[in-house]
Amino acid sequence: MLVRMLAATITLFDIVATGHADSQPKATKCFVNKKLNICSVTMAGDNLELQVGNTQKISVERRGHCITRRQNGLISKSCNVKLGLENDFVYGLIVLSSTTGITISSPRLEIKIPEFKFSADGM
């Protein structure tokens, strides 16, 4: 009973703290290094996982704090992230925007997911 209550409390905290709960994978178009792909995106708090086509899986884990900016009715949130690739990892930046969606950048990889727009209430 106590374990179930603790799990429910943690889940509720995640929903309140991040604005959204764990999501089911959502198929959407994405651009990986400017090449159009179909990606399956799974959100979990500030982290996400991308399945690019049937071949590449990329995990995006937030590192440290995020900065939220509000200007002229536009909202964006940027966070340092660790990108987990198949046999490697790199550090980069994720920008969640109310107009352009998600952009993930690192020295050798750029991913854009335009359909996932950021809002003050979550994704």
PDB file of N, CA and C in Angstrom:
ATOM      1  N   MET A   1       0.821  -1.193   0.000  1.00  0.00           N
ATOM      2  CA  MET A   1       0.000   0.000   0.000  1.00  0.00           C
ATOM      3  C   MET A   1       0.865   1.257   0.000  1.00  0.00           C
ATOM      4  N   LEU A   2       1.871   1.290   0.869  1.00  0.00           N
ATOM      5  CA  LEU A   2       2.758   2.440   0.946  1.00  0.00           C
ATOM      6  C   LEU A   2       3.526   2.626  -0.366  1.00  0.00           C
ATOM      7  N   VAL A   3       3.948   1.515  -0.971  1.00  0.00           N
ATOM      8  CA  VAL A   3       4.685   1.593  -2.232  1.00  0.00           C
ATOM      9  C   VAL A   3       3.801   2.196  -3.323  1.00  0.00           C
ATOM     10  N   ARG A   4       2.532   1.784  -3.405  1.00  0.00           N
ATOM     11  CA  ARG A   4       1.606   2.317  -4.405  1.00  0.00           C
ATOM     12  C   ARG A   4       1.373   3.813  -4.183  1.00  0.00           C
ATOM     13  N   MET A   5       1.236   4.213  -2.923  1.00  0.00           N
ATOM     14  CA  MET A   5       1.029   5.628  -2.617  1.00  0.00           C
ATOM     15  C   MET A   5       2.258   6.445  -3.018  1.00  0.00           C
ATOM     16  N   LEU A   6       3.453   5.908  -2.751  1.00  0.00           N
ATOM     17  CA  LEU A   6       4.682   6.600  -3.112  1.00  0.00           C
ATOM     18  C   LEU A   6       4.797   6.726  -4.629  1.00  0.00           C
ATOM     19  N   ALA A   7       4.491   5.657  -5.353  1.00  0.00           N
ATOM     20  CA  ALA A   7       4.548   5.702  -6.821  1.00  0.00           C
ATOM     21  C   ALA A   7       3.552   6.717  -7.368  1.00  0.00           C
ATOM     22  N   ALA A   8       2.348   6.769  -6.815  1.00  0.00           N
ATOM     23  CA  ALA A   8       1.338   7.739  -7.259  1.00  0.00           C
ATOM     24  C   ALA A   8       1.791   9.160  -6.966  1.00  0.00           C
ATOM     25  N   THR A   9       2.436   9.365  -5.816  1.00  0.00           N
ATOM     26  CA  THR A   9       2.933  10.694  -5.456  1.00  0.00           C
ATOM     27  C   THR A   9       4.035  11.136  -6.405  1.00  0.00           C
ATOM     28  N   ILE A  10       4.956  10.233  -6.744  1.00  0.00           N
ATOM     29  CA  ILE A  10       6.039  10.558  -7.671  1.00  0.00           C
ATOM     30  C   ILE A  10       5.472  10.899  -9.042  1.00  0.00           C
ATOM     31  N   THR A  11       4.506  10.122  -9.517  1.00  0.00           N
ATOM     32  CA  THR A  11       3.883  10.389 -10.814  1.00  0.00           C
ATOM     33  C   THR A  11       3.190  11.741 -10.799  1.00  0.00           C
ATOM     34  N   LEU A  12       2.450  12.043  -9.745  1.00  0.00           N
ATOM     35  CA  LEU A  12       1.758  13.316  -9.630  1.00  0.00           C
ATOM     36  C   LEU A  12       2.770  14.460  -9.587  1.00  0.00           C
ATOM     37  N   PHE A  13       3.876  14.283  -8.854  1.00  0.00           N
ATOM     38  CA  PHE A  13       4.910  15.306  -8.794  1.00  0.00           C
ATOM     39  C   PHE A  13       5.478  15.566 -10.181  1.00  0.00           C
ATOM     40  N   ASP A  14       5.720  14.500 -10.968  1.00  0.00           N
ATOM     41  CA  ASP A  14       6.251  14.652 -12.325  1.00  0.00           C
ATOM     42  C   ASP A  14       5.286  15.444 -13.192  1.00  0.00           C
ATOM     43  N   ILE A  15       4.001  15.174 -13.083  1.00  0.00           N
ATOM     44  CA  ILE A  15       3.001  15.888 -13.880  1.00  0.00           C
ATOM     45  C   ILE A  15       2.977  17.362 -13.494  1.00  0.00           C
ATOM     46  N   VAL A  16       2.988  17.648 -12.192  1.00  0.00           N
ATOM     47  CA  VAL A  16       2.928  19.030 -11.732  1.00  0.00           C
ATOM     48  C   VAL A  16       4.224  19.765 -12.058  1.00  0.00           C
ATOM     49  N   ALA A  17       5.364  19.138 -11.825  1.00  0.00           N
ATOM     50  CA  ALA A  17       6.653  19.805 -12.012  1.00  0.00           C
ATOM     51  C   ALA A  17       6.968  20.060 -13.478  1.00  0.00           C
ATOM     52  N   THR A  18       6.582  19.147 -14.368  1.00  0.00           N
ATOM     53  CA  THR A  18       6.980  19.283 -15.769  1.00  0.00           C
ATOM     54  C   THR A  18       5.852  19.739 -16.665  1.00  0.00           C
ATOM     55  N   GLY A  19       4.633  19.694 -16.191  1.00  0.00           N
ATOM     56  CA  GLY A  19       3.514  20.119 -17.021  1.00  0.00           C
ATOM     57  C   GLY A  19       2.925  19.014 -17.860  1.00  0.00           C
ATOM     58  N   HIS A  20       3.514  17.836 -17.841  1.00  0.00           N
ATOM     59  CA  HIS A  20       2.964  16.716 -18.591  1.00  0.00           C
ATOM     60  C   HIS A  20       3.481  15.413 -18.021  1.00  0.00           C
ATOM     61  N   ALA A  21       2.733  14.367 -18.238  1.00  0.00           N
ATOM     62  CA  ALA A  21       3.117  13.047 -17.760  1.00  0.00           C
ATOM     63  C   ALA A  21       3.864  12.314 -18.868  1.00  0.00           C
ATOM     64  N   ASP A  22       4.313  11.106 -18.551  1.00  0.00           N
ATOM     65  CA  ASP A  22       4.917  10.277 -19.587  1.00  0.00           C
ATOM     66  C   ASP A  22       3.915  10.099 -20.707  1.00  0.00           C
ATOM     67  N   SER A  23       4.393  10.130 -21.927  1.00  0.00           N
ATOM     68  CA  SER A  23       3.482  10.020 -23.056  1.00  0.00           C
ATOM     69  C   SER A  23       3.718   8.727 -23.806  1.00  0.00           C
ATOM     70  N   GLN A  24       2.748   8.381 -24.597  1.00  0.00           N
ATOM     71  CA  GLN A  24       2.885   7.268 -25.521  1.00  0.00           C
ATOM     72  C   GLN A  24       3.667   7.775 -26.720  1.00  0.00           C
ATOM     73  N   PRO A  25       4.364   6.902 -27.437  1.00  0.00           N
ATOM     74  CA  PRO A  25       5.095   7.354 -28.627  1.00  0.00           C
ATOM     75  C   PRO A  25       4.153   8.015 -29.632  1.00  0.00           C
ATOM     76  N   LYS A  26       4.604   9.104 -30.221  1.00  0.00           N
ATOM     77  CA  LYS A  26       3.824   9.813 -31.225  1.00  0.00           C
ATOM     78  C   LYS A  26       4.645   9.913 -32.495  1.00  0.00           C
ATOM     79  N   ALA A  27       4.084   9.451 -33.603  1.00  0.00           N
ATOM     80  CA  ALA A  27       4.763   9.541 -34.896  1.00  0.00           C
ATOM     81  C   ALA A  27       4.590  10.953 -35.438  1.00  0.00           C
ATOM     82  N   THR A  28       5.669  11.545 -35.894  1.00  0.00           N
ATOM     83  CA  THR A  28       5.651  12.901 -36.419  1.00  0.00           C
ATOM     84  C   THR A  28       6.807  13.072 -37.392  1.00  0.00           C
ATOM     85  N   LYS A  29       6.733  14.103 -38.214  1.00  0.00           N
ATOM     86  CA  LYS A  29       7.870  14.364 -39.096  1.00  0.00           C
ATOM     87  C   LYS A  29       8.963  15.058 -38.304  1.00  0.00           C
ATOM     88  N   CYS A  30      10.195  14.761 -38.656  1.00  0.00           N
ATOM     89  CA  CYS A  30      11.335  15.397 -38.026  1.00  0.00           C
ATOM     90  C   CYS A  30      12.421  15.568 -39.080  1.00  0.00           C
ATOM     91  N   PHE A  31      13.328  16.475 -38.802  1.00  0.00           N
ATOM     92  CA  PHE A  31      14.446  16.728 -39.700  1.00  0.00           C
ATOM     93  C   PHE A  31      15.721  16.420 -38.943  1.00  0.00           C
ATOM     94  N   VAL A  32      16.495  15.469 -39.446  1.00  0.00           N
ATOM     95  CA  VAL A  32      17.780  15.120 -38.845  1.00  0.00           C
ATOM     96  C   VAL A  32      18.856  15.570 -39.815  1.00  0.00           C
ATOM     97  N   ASN A  33      19.652  16.552 -39.381  1.00  0.00           N
ATOM     98  CA  ASN A  33      20.636  17.188 -40.265  1.00  0.00           C
ATOM     99  C   ASN A  33      19.995  17.602 -41.590  1.00  0.00           C
ATOM    100  N   LYS A  34      18.833  18.239 -41.488  1.00  0.00           N
ATOM    101  CA  LYS A  34      18.048  18.810 -42.597  1.00  0.00           C
ATOM    102  C   LYS A  34      17.399  17.776 -43.514  1.00  0.00           C
ATOM    103  N   LYS A  35      17.496  16.493 -43.183  1.00  0.00           N
ATOM    104  CA  LYS A  35      16.859  15.444 -43.985  1.00  0.00           C
ATOM    105  C   LYS A  35      15.535  15.048 -43.327  1.00  0.00           C
ATOM    106  N   LEU A  36      14.446  15.060 -44.107  1.00  0.00           N
ATOM    107  CA  LEU A  36      13.121  14.734 -43.586  1.00  0.00           C
ATOM    108  C   LEU A  36      13.028  13.254 -43.246  1.00  0.00           C
ATOM    109  N   ASN A  37      12.510  12.962 -42.053  1.00  0.00           N
ATOM    110  CA  ASN A  37      12.299  11.595 -41.576  1.00  0.00           C
ATOM    111  C   ASN A  37      10.961  11.526 -40.869  1.00  0.00           C
ATOM    112  N   ILE A  38      10.516  10.316 -40.594  1.00  0.00           N
ATOM    113  CA  ILE A  38       9.392  10.092 -39.688  1.00  0.00           C
ATOM    114  C   ILE A  38       9.990   9.577 -38.387  1.00  0.00           C
ATOM    115  N   CYS A  39       9.675  10.275 -37.296  1.00  0.00           N
ATOM    116  CA  CYS A  39      10.209   9.919 -35.983  1.00  0.00           C
ATOM    117  C   CYS A  39       9.075   9.505 -35.057  1.00  0.00           C
ATOM    118  N   SER A  40       9.383   8.611 -34.169  1.00  0.00           N
ATOM    119  CA  SER A  40       8.495   8.278 -33.071  1.00  0.00           C
ATOM    120  C   SER A  40       9.078   8.955 -31.836  1.00  0.00           C
ATOM    121  N   VAL A  41       8.294   9.844 -31.213  1.00  0.00           N
ATOM    122  CA  VAL A  41       8.779  10.652 -30.094  1.00  0.00           C
ATOM    123  C   VAL A  41       8.036  10.239 -28.826  1.00  0.00           C
ATOM    124  N   THR A  42       8.782   9.946 -27.779  1.00  0.00           N
ATOM    125  CA  THR A  42       8.209   9.628 -26.473  1.00  0.00           C
ATOM    126  C   THR A  42       8.746  10.640 -25.469  1.00  0.00           C
ATOM    127  N   MET A  43       7.844  11.383 -24.827  1.00  0.00           N
ATOM    128  CA  MET A  43       8.229  12.374 -23.818  1.00  0.00           C
ATOM    129  C   MET A  43       8.112  11.750 -22.432  1.00  0.00           C
ATOM    130  N   ALA A  44       9.051  12.082 -21.566  1.00  0.00           N
ATOM    131  CA  ALA A  44       9.002  11.668 -20.160  1.00  0.00           C
ATOM    132  C   ALA A  44       9.600  12.813 -19.340  1.00  0.00           C
ATOM    133  N   GLY A  45       8.739  13.680 -18.842  1.00  0.00           N
ATOM    134  CA  GLY A  45       9.231  14.856 -18.129  1.00  0.00           C
ATOM    135  C   GLY A  45       9.983  15.748 -19.098  1.00  0.00           C
ATOM    136  N   ASP A  46      11.200  16.157 -18.749  1.00  0.00           N
ATOM    137  CA  ASP A  46      12.026  16.979 -19.635  1.00  0.00           C
ATOM    138  C   ASP A  46      12.883  16.130 -20.572  1.00  0.00           C
ATOM    139  N   ASN A  47      12.795  14.825 -20.475  1.00  0.00           N
ATOM    140  CA  ASN A  47      13.565  13.929 -21.328  1.00  0.00           C
ATOM    141  C   ASN A  47      12.690  13.427 -22.467  1.00  0.00           C
ATOM    142  N   LEU A  48      13.322  13.019 -23.553  1.00  0.00           N
ATOM    143  CA  LEU A  48      12.562  12.409 -24.631  1.00  0.00           C
ATOM    144  C   LEU A  48      13.399  11.363 -25.327  1.00  0.00           C
ATOM    145  N   GLU A  49      12.716  10.501 -26.040  1.00  0.00           N
ATOM    146  CA  GLU A  49      13.379   9.469 -26.817  1.00  0.00           C
ATOM    147  C   GLU A  49      12.856   9.539 -28.237  1.00  0.00           C
ATOM    148  N   LEU A  50      13.763   9.474 -29.197  1.00  0.00           N
ATOM    149  CA  LEU A  50      13.415   9.530 -30.616  1.00  0.00           C
ATOM    150  C   LEU A  50      13.778   8.220 -31.276  1.00  0.00           C
ATOM    151  N   GLN A  51      12.869   7.709 -32.053  1.00  0.00           N
ATOM    152  CA  GLN A  51      13.173   6.595 -32.940  1.00  0.00           C
ATOM    153  C   GLN A  51      13.084   7.172 -34.342  1.00  0.00           C
ATOM    154  N   VAL A  52      14.209   7.286 -35.024  1.00  0.00           N
ATOM    155  CA  VAL A  52      14.260   7.883 -36.358  1.00  0.00           C
ATOM    156  C   VAL A  52      14.123   6.753 -37.371  1.00  0.00           C
ATOM    157  N   GLY A  53      12.964   6.721 -38.059  1.00  0.00           N
ATOM    158  CA  GLY A  53      12.701   5.621 -38.981  1.00  0.00           C
ATOM    159  C   GLY A  53      12.756   4.303 -38.233  1.00  0.00           C
ATOM    160  N   ASN A  54      13.321   3.292 -38.859  1.00  0.00           N
ATOM    161  CA  ASN A  54      13.472   1.985 -38.200  1.00  0.00           C
ATOM    162  C   ASN A  54      14.904   1.729 -37.766  1.00  0.00           C
ATOM    163  N   THR A  55      15.758   2.750 -37.901  1.00  0.00           N
ATOM    164  CA  THR A  55      17.175   2.480 -37.718  1.00  0.00           C
ATOM    165  C   THR A  55      17.807   3.124 -36.494  1.00  0.00           C
ATOM    166  N   GLN A  56      17.582   4.384 -36.254  1.00  0.00           N
ATOM    167  CA  GLN A  56      18.345   5.128 -35.255  1.00  0.00           C
ATOM    168  C   GLN A  56      17.505   5.485 -34.042  1.00  0.00           C
ATOM    169  N   LYS A  57      18.027   5.194 -32.855  1.00  0.00           N
ATOM    170  CA  LYS A  57      17.369   5.572 -31.601  1.00  0.00           C
ATOM    171  C   LYS A  57      18.252   6.584 -30.892  1.00  0.00           C
ATOM    172  N   ILE A  58      17.630   7.697 -30.463  1.00  0.00           N
ATOM    173  CA  ILE A  58      18.364   8.771 -29.793  1.00  0.00           C
ATOM    174  C   ILE A  58      17.634   9.115 -28.499  1.00  0.00           C
ATOM    175  N   SER A  59      18.339   9.079 -27.382  1.00  0.00           N
ATOM    176  CA  SER A  59      17.753   9.514 -26.113  1.00  0.00           C
ATOM    177  C   SER A  59      18.267  10.912 -25.802  1.00  0.00           C
ATOM    178  N   VAL A  60      17.382  11.733 -25.265  1.00  0.00           N
ATOM    179  CA  VAL A  60      17.722  13.111 -24.930  1.00  0.00           C
ATOM    180  C   VAL A  60      17.431  13.297 -23.443  1.00  0.00           C
ATOM    181  N   GLU A  61      18.489  13.478 -22.646  1.00  0.00           N
ATOM    182  CA  GLU A  61      18.352  13.606 -21.197  1.00  0.00           C
ATOM    183  C   GLU A  61      18.797  14.991 -20.754  1.00  0.00           C
ATOM    184  N   ARG A  62      17.922  15.670 -20.043  1.00  0.00           N
ATOM    185  CA  ARG A  62      18.251  17.004 -19.539  1.00  0.00           C
ATOM    186  C   ARG A  62      19.392  16.934 -18.539  1.00  0.00           C
ATOM    187  N   ARG A  63      20.287  17.908 -18.609  1.00  0.00           N
ATOM    188  CA  ARG A  63      21.400  18.039 -17.669  1.00  0.00           C
ATOM    189  C   ARG A  63      21.357  19.447 -17.101  1.00  0.00           C
ATOM    190  N   GLY A  64      21.213  19.553 -15.792  1.00  0.00           N
ATOM    191  CA  GLY A  64      21.204  20.869 -15.162  1.00  0.00           C
ATOM    192  C   GLY A  64      19.859  21.565 -15.282  1.00  0.00           C
ATOM    193  N   HIS A  65      19.883  22.880 -15.117  1.00  0.00           N
ATOM    194  CA  HIS A  65      18.635  23.646 -15.122  1.00  0.00           C
ATOM    195  C   HIS A  65      18.328  24.157 -16.532  1.00  0.00           C
ATOM    196  N   CYS A  66      17.109  24.612 -16.695  1.00  0.00           N
ATOM    197  CA  CYS A  66      16.651  25.152 -17.979  1.00  0.00           C
ATOM    198  C   CYS A  66      16.342  26.639 -17.818  1.00  0.00           C
ATOM    199  N   ILE A  67      16.364  27.340 -18.923  1.00  0.00           N
ATOM    200  CA  ILE A  67      16.023  28.761 -18.937  1.00  0.00           C
ATOM    201  C   ILE A  67      14.777  28.937 -19.797  1.00  0.00           C
ATOM    202  N   THR A  68      13.755  29.588 -19.223  1.00  0.00           N
ATOM    203  CA  THR A  68      12.531  29.878 -19.965  1.00  0.00           C
ATOM    204  C   THR A  68      12.508  31.363 -20.281  1.00  0.00           C
ATOM    205  N   ARG A  69      12.239  31.667 -21.540  1.00  0.00           N
ATOM    206  CA  ARG A  69      12.174  33.066 -21.991  1.00  0.00           C
ATOM    207  C   ARG A  69      10.786  33.363 -22.530  1.00  0.00           C
ATOM    208  N   ARG A  70      10.282  34.534 -22.200  1.00  0.00           N
ATOM    209  CA  ARG A  70       8.997  35.024 -22.724  1.00  0.00           C
ATOM    210  C   ARG A  70       9.251  36.390 -23.338  1.00  0.00           C
ATOM    211  N   GLN A  71       8.927  36.520 -24.636  1.00  0.00           N
ATOM    212  CA  GLN A  71       9.149  37.791 -25.308  1.00  0.00           C
ATOM    213  C   GLN A  71       8.135  37.953 -26.430  1.00  0.00           C
ATOM    214  N   ASN A  72       7.418  39.050 -26.408  1.00  0.00           N
ATOM    215  CA  ASN A  72       6.415  39.368 -27.432  1.00  0.00           C
ATOM    216  C   ASN A  72       5.412  38.228 -27.641  1.00  0.00           C
ATOM    217  N   GLY A  73       4.984  37.602 -26.559  1.00  0.00           N
ATOM    218  CA  GLY A  73       4.001  36.526 -26.642  1.00  0.00           C
ATOM    219  C   GLY A  73       4.580  35.174 -27.036  1.00  0.00           C
ATOM    220  N   LEU A  74       5.878  35.093 -27.281  1.00  0.00           N
ATOM    221  CA  LEU A  74       6.537  33.844 -27.637  1.00  0.00           C
ATOM    222  C   LEU A  74       7.215  33.269 -26.400  1.00  0.00           C
ATOM    223  N   ILE A  75       7.181  31.963 -26.281  1.00  0.00           N
ATOM    224  CA  ILE A  75       7.787  31.294 -25.135  1.00  0.00           C
ATOM    225  C   ILE A  75       8.804  30.289 -25.656  1.00  0.00           C
ATOM    226  N   SER A  76       9.983  30.255 -25.047  1.00  0.00           N
ATOM    227  CA  SER A  76      10.966  29.228 -25.375  1.00  0.00           C
ATOM    228  C   SER A  76      11.653  28.771 -24.095  1.00  0.00           C
ATOM    229  N   LYS A  77      12.063  27.537 -24.120  1.00  0.00           N
ATOM    230  CA  LYS A  77      12.762  26.935 -22.984  1.00  0.00           C
ATOM    231  C   LYS A  77      13.992  26.231 -23.545  1.00  0.00           C
ATOM    232  N   SER A  78      15.162  26.517 -22.994  1.00  0.00           N
ATOM    233  CA  SER A  78      16.387  25.866 -23.461  1.00  0.00           C
ATOM    234  C   SER A  78      17.070  25.149 -22.304  1.00  0.00           C
ATOM    235  N   CYS A  79      17.602  23.964 -22.607  1.00  0.00           N
ATOM    236  CA  CYS A  79      18.243  23.130 -21.592  1.00  0.00           C
ATOM    237  C   CYS A  79      19.479  22.462 -22.187  1.00  0.00           C
ATOM    238  N   ASN A  80      20.509  22.310 -21.376  1.00  0.00           N
ATOM    239  CA  ASN A  80      21.636  21.476 -21.769  1.00  0.00           C
ATOM    240  C   ASN A  80      21.174  20.028 -21.700  1.00  0.00           C
ATOM    241  N   VAL A  81      21.608  19.206 -22.660  1.00  0.00           N
ATOM    242  CA  VAL A  81      21.181  17.811 -22.716  1.00  0.00           C
ATOM    243  C   VAL A  81      22.341  16.897 -23.060  1.00  0.00           C
ATOM    244  N   LYS A  82      22.156  15.639 -22.727  1.00  0.00           N
ATOM    245  CA  LYS A  82      23.051  14.563 -23.155  1.00  0.00           C
ATOM    246  C   LYS A  82      22.286  13.766 -24.195  1.00  0.00           C
ATOM    247  N   LEU A  83      22.874  13.625 -25.382  1.00  0.00           N
ATOM    248  CA  LEU A  83      22.247  12.866 -26.456  1.00  0.00           C
ATOM    249  C   LEU A  83      22.876  11.479 -26.490  1.00  0.00           C
ATOM    250  N   GLY A  84      22.060  10.477 -26.201  1.00  0.00           N
ATOM    251  CA  GLY A  84      22.530   9.103 -26.251  1.00  0.00           C
ATOM    252  C   GLY A  84      22.307   8.536 -27.639  1.00  0.00           C
ATOM    253  N   LEU A  85      23.397   8.215 -28.316  1.00  0.00           N
ATOM    254  CA  LEU A  85      23.337   7.643 -29.646  1.00  0.00           C
ATOM    255  C   LEU A  85      23.578   6.138 -29.533  1.00  0.00           C
ATOM    256  N   GLU A  86      23.546   5.439 -30.635  1.00  0.00           N
ATOM    257  CA  GLU A  86      23.647   3.976 -30.593  1.00  0.00           C
ATOM    258  C   GLU A  86      24.899   3.496 -29.871  1.00  0.00           C
ATOM    259  N   ASN A  87      26.073   4.014 -30.245  1.00  0.00           N
ATOM    260  CA  ASN A  87      27.327   3.557 -29.633  1.00  0.00           C
ATOM    261  C   ASN A  87      28.129   4.702 -29.027  1.00  0.00           C
ATOM    262  N   ASP A  88      27.464   5.821 -28.745  1.00  0.00           N
ATOM    263  CA  ASP A  88      28.197   7.006 -28.315  1.00  0.00           C
ATOM    264  C   ASP A  88      27.236   7.969 -27.627  1.00  0.00           C
ATOM    265  N   PHE A  89      27.750   9.067 -27.137  1.00  0.00           N
ATOM    266  CA  PHE A  89      26.906  10.147 -26.638  1.00  0.00           C
ATOM    267  C   PHE A  89      27.632  11.461 -26.874  1.00  0.00           C
ATOM    268  N   VAL A  90      26.847  12.534 -26.982  1.00  0.00           N
ATOM    269  CA  VAL A  90      27.390  13.886 -27.102  1.00  0.00           C
ATOM    270  C   VAL A  90      26.534  14.805 -26.242  1.00  0.00           C
ATOM    271  N   TYR A  91      27.076  15.948 -25.900  1.00  0.00           N
ATOM    272  CA  TYR A  91      26.311  16.945 -25.168  1.00  0.00           C
ATOM    273  C   TYR A  91      25.823  17.997 -26.152  1.00  0.00           C
ATOM    274  N   GLY A  92      24.656  18.553 -25.870  1.00  0.00           N
ATOM    275  CA  GLY A  92      24.093  19.545 -26.761  1.00  0.00           C
ATOM    276  C   GLY A  92      23.086  20.422 -26.052  1.00  0.00           C
ATOM    277  N   LEU A  93      22.216  21.024 -26.839  1.00  0.00           N
ATOM    278  CA  LEU A  93      21.212  21.952 -26.338  1.00  0.00           C
ATOM    279  C   LEU A  93      19.874  21.609 -26.967  1.00  0.00           C
ATOM    280  N   ILE A  94      18.810  21.635 -26.157  1.00  0.00           N
ATOM    281  CA  ILE A  94      17.455  21.479 -26.681  1.00  0.00           C
ATOM    282  C   ILE A  94      16.737  22.807 -26.463  1.00  0.00           C
ATOM    283  N   VAL A  95      16.056  23.270 -27.492  1.00  0.00           N
ATOM    284  CA  VAL A  95      15.250  24.483 -27.401  1.00  0.00           C
ATOM    285  C   VAL A  95      13.821  24.094 -27.751  1.00  0.00           C
ATOM    286  N   LEU A  96      12.914  24.337 -26.809  1.00  0.00           N
ATOM    287  CA  LEU A  96      11.489  24.081 -27.017  1.00  0.00           C
ATOM    288  C   LEU A  96      10.839  25.434 -27.240  1.00  0.00           C
ATOM    289  N   SER A  97      10.186  25.610 -28.380  1.00  0.00           N
ATOM    290  CA  SER A  97       9.650  26.909 -28.756  1.00  0.00           C
ATOM    291  C   SER A  97       8.154  26.835 -29.020  1.00  0.00           C
ATOM    292  N   SER A  98       7.456  27.929 -28.710  1.00  0.00           N
ATOM    293  CA  SER A  98       6.016  27.981 -28.980  1.00  0.00           C
ATOM    294  C   SER A  98       5.735  28.192 -30.466  1.00  0.00           C
ATOM    295  N   THR A  99       6.747  28.544 -31.253  1.00  0.00           N
ATOM    296  CA  THR A  99       6.533  28.775 -32.687  1.00  0.00           C
ATOM    297  C   THR A  99       7.215  27.742 -33.583  1.00  0.00           C
ATOM    298  N   THR A 100       8.450  27.361 -33.250  1.00  0.00           N
ATOM    299  CA  THR A 100       9.194  26.464 -34.145  1.00  0.00           C
ATOM    300  C   THR A 100       9.259  25.025 -33.666  1.00  0.00           C
ATOM    301  N   GLY A 101       8.697  24.714 -32.506  1.00  0.00           N
ATOM    302  CA  GLY A 101       8.734  23.346 -31.985  1.00  0.00           C
ATOM    303  C   GLY A 101      10.047  23.060 -31.280  1.00  0.00           C
ATOM    304  N   ILE A 102      10.528  21.828 -31.396  1.00  0.00           N
ATOM    305  CA  ILE A 102      11.741  21.391 -30.712  1.00  0.00           C
ATOM    306  C   ILE A 102      12.924  21.423 -31.669  1.00  0.00           C
ATOM    307  N   THR A 103      14.033  21.989 -31.195  1.00  0.00           N
ATOM    308  CA  THR A 103      15.300  21.933 -31.925  1.00  0.00           C
ATOM    309  C   THR A 103      16.352  21.389 -30.976  1.00  0.00           C
ATOM    310  N   ILE A 104      17.045  20.342 -31.408  1.00  0.00           N
ATOM    311  CA  ILE A 104      18.114  19.734 -30.622  1.00  0.00           C
ATOM    312  C   ILE A 104      19.399  19.915 -31.419  1.00  0.00           C
ATOM    313  N   SER A 105      20.404  20.537 -30.799  1.00  0.00           N
ATOM    314  CA  SER A 105      21.653  20.841 -31.508  1.00  0.00           C
ATOM    315  C   SER A 105      22.846  20.302 -30.752  1.00  0.00           C
ATOM    316  N   SER A 106      23.794  19.774 -31.507  1.00  0.00           N
ATOM    317  CA  SER A 106      25.100  19.391 -30.985  1.00  0.00           C
ATOM    318  C   SER A 106      26.103  19.666 -32.095  1.00  0.00           C
ATOM    319  N   PRO A 107      27.403  19.526 -31.830  1.00  0.00           N
ATOM    320  CA  PRO A 107      28.369  19.839 -32.887  1.00  0.00           C
ATOM    321  C   PRO A 107      28.181  19.043 -34.180  1.00  0.00           C
ATOM    322  N   ARG A 108      27.652  17.821 -34.106  1.00  0.00           N
ATOM    323  CA  ARG A 108      27.532  17.019 -35.324  1.00  0.00           C
ATOM    324  C   ARG A 108      26.114  16.565 -35.649  1.00  0.00           C
ATOM    325  N   LEU A 109      25.135  17.086 -34.927  1.00  0.00           N
ATOM    326  CA  LEU A 109      23.766  16.626 -35.122  1.00  0.00           C
ATOM    327  C   LEU A 109      22.792  17.770 -34.863  1.00  0.00           C
ATOM    328  N   GLU A 110      21.821  17.941 -35.771  1.00  0.00           N
ATOM    329  CA  GLU A 110      20.736  18.893 -35.547  1.00  0.00           C
ATOM    330  C   GLU A 110      19.426  18.182 -35.848  1.00  0.00           C
ATOM    331  N   ILE A 111      18.514  18.238 -34.891  1.00  0.00           N
ATOM    332  CA  ILE A 111      17.211  17.592 -35.035  1.00  0.00           C
ATOM    333  C   ILE A 111      16.140  18.647 -34.823  1.00  0.00           C
ATOM    334  N   LYS A 112      15.180  18.704 -35.731  1.00  0.00           N
ATOM    335  CA  LYS A 112      14.051  19.627 -35.585  1.00  0.00           C
ATOM    336  C   LYS A 112      12.763  18.815 -35.619  1.00  0.00           C
ATOM    337  N   ILE A 113      11.887  19.106 -34.648  1.00  0.00           N
ATOM    338  CA  ILE A 113      10.575  18.459 -34.567  1.00  0.00           C
ATOM    339  C   ILE A 113       9.549  19.586 -34.504  1.00  0.00           C
ATOM    340  N   PRO A 114       9.100  20.080 -35.658  1.00  0.00           N
ATOM    341  CA  PRO A 114       8.265  21.281 -35.681  1.00  0.00           C
ATOM    342  C   PRO A 114       6.863  21.113 -35.092  1.00  0.00           C
ATOM    343  N   GLU A 115       6.328  19.915 -35.044  1.00  0.00           N
ATOM    344  CA  GLU A 115       4.965  19.722 -34.568  1.00  0.00           C
ATOM    345  C   GLU A 115       4.821  19.760 -33.056  1.00  0.00           C
ATOM    346  N   PHE A 116       5.923  19.626 -32.308  1.00  0.00           N
ATOM    347  CA  PHE A 116       5.877  19.646 -30.852  1.00  0.00           C
ATOM    348  C   PHE A 116       6.115  21.077 -30.383  1.00  0.00           C
ATOM    349  N   LYS A 117       5.073  21.842 -30.209  1.00  0.00           N
ATOM    350  CA  LYS A 117       5.167  23.242 -29.780  1.00  0.00           C
ATOM    351  C   LYS A 117       5.163  23.318 -28.248  1.00  0.00           C
ATOM    352  N   PHE A 118       5.945  24.238 -27.711  1.00  0.00           N
ATOM    353  CA  PHE A 118       6.045  24.442 -26.271  1.00  0.00           C
ATOM    354  C   PHE A 118       5.030  25.494 -25.829  1.00  0.00           C
ATOM    355  N   SER A 119       4.431  25.263 -24.670  1.00  0.00           N
ATOM    356  CA  SER A 119       3.559  26.274 -24.067  1.00  0.00           C
ATOM    357  C   SER A 119       3.826  26.308 -22.564  1.00  0.00           C
ATOM    358  N   ALA A 120       3.345  27.313 -21.906  1.00  0.00           N
ATOM    359  CA  ALA A 120       3.527  27.426 -20.452  1.00  0.00           C
ATOM    360  C   ALA A 120       2.867  26.272 -19.725  1.00  0.00           C
ATOM    361  N   ASP A 121       1.878  25.630 -20.351  1.00  0.00           N
ATOM    362  CA  ASP A 121       1.170  24.502 -19.735  1.00  0.00           C
ATOM    363  C   ASP A 121       1.824  23.169 -20.057  1.00  0.00           C
ATOM    364  N   GLY A 122       2.946  23.152 -20.756  1.00  0.00           N
ATOM    365  CA  GLY A 122       3.596  21.917 -21.158  1.00  0.00           C
ATOM    366  C   GLY A 122       3.480  21.735 -22.651  1.00  0.00           C
ATOM    367  N   MET A 123       3.890  20.569 -23.123  1.00  0.00           N
ATOM    368  CA  MET A 123       3.883  20.293 -24.568  1.00  0.00           C
ATOM    369  C   MET A 123       2.486  20.025 -25.062  1.00  0.00           C
TER     370      MET A 123
END
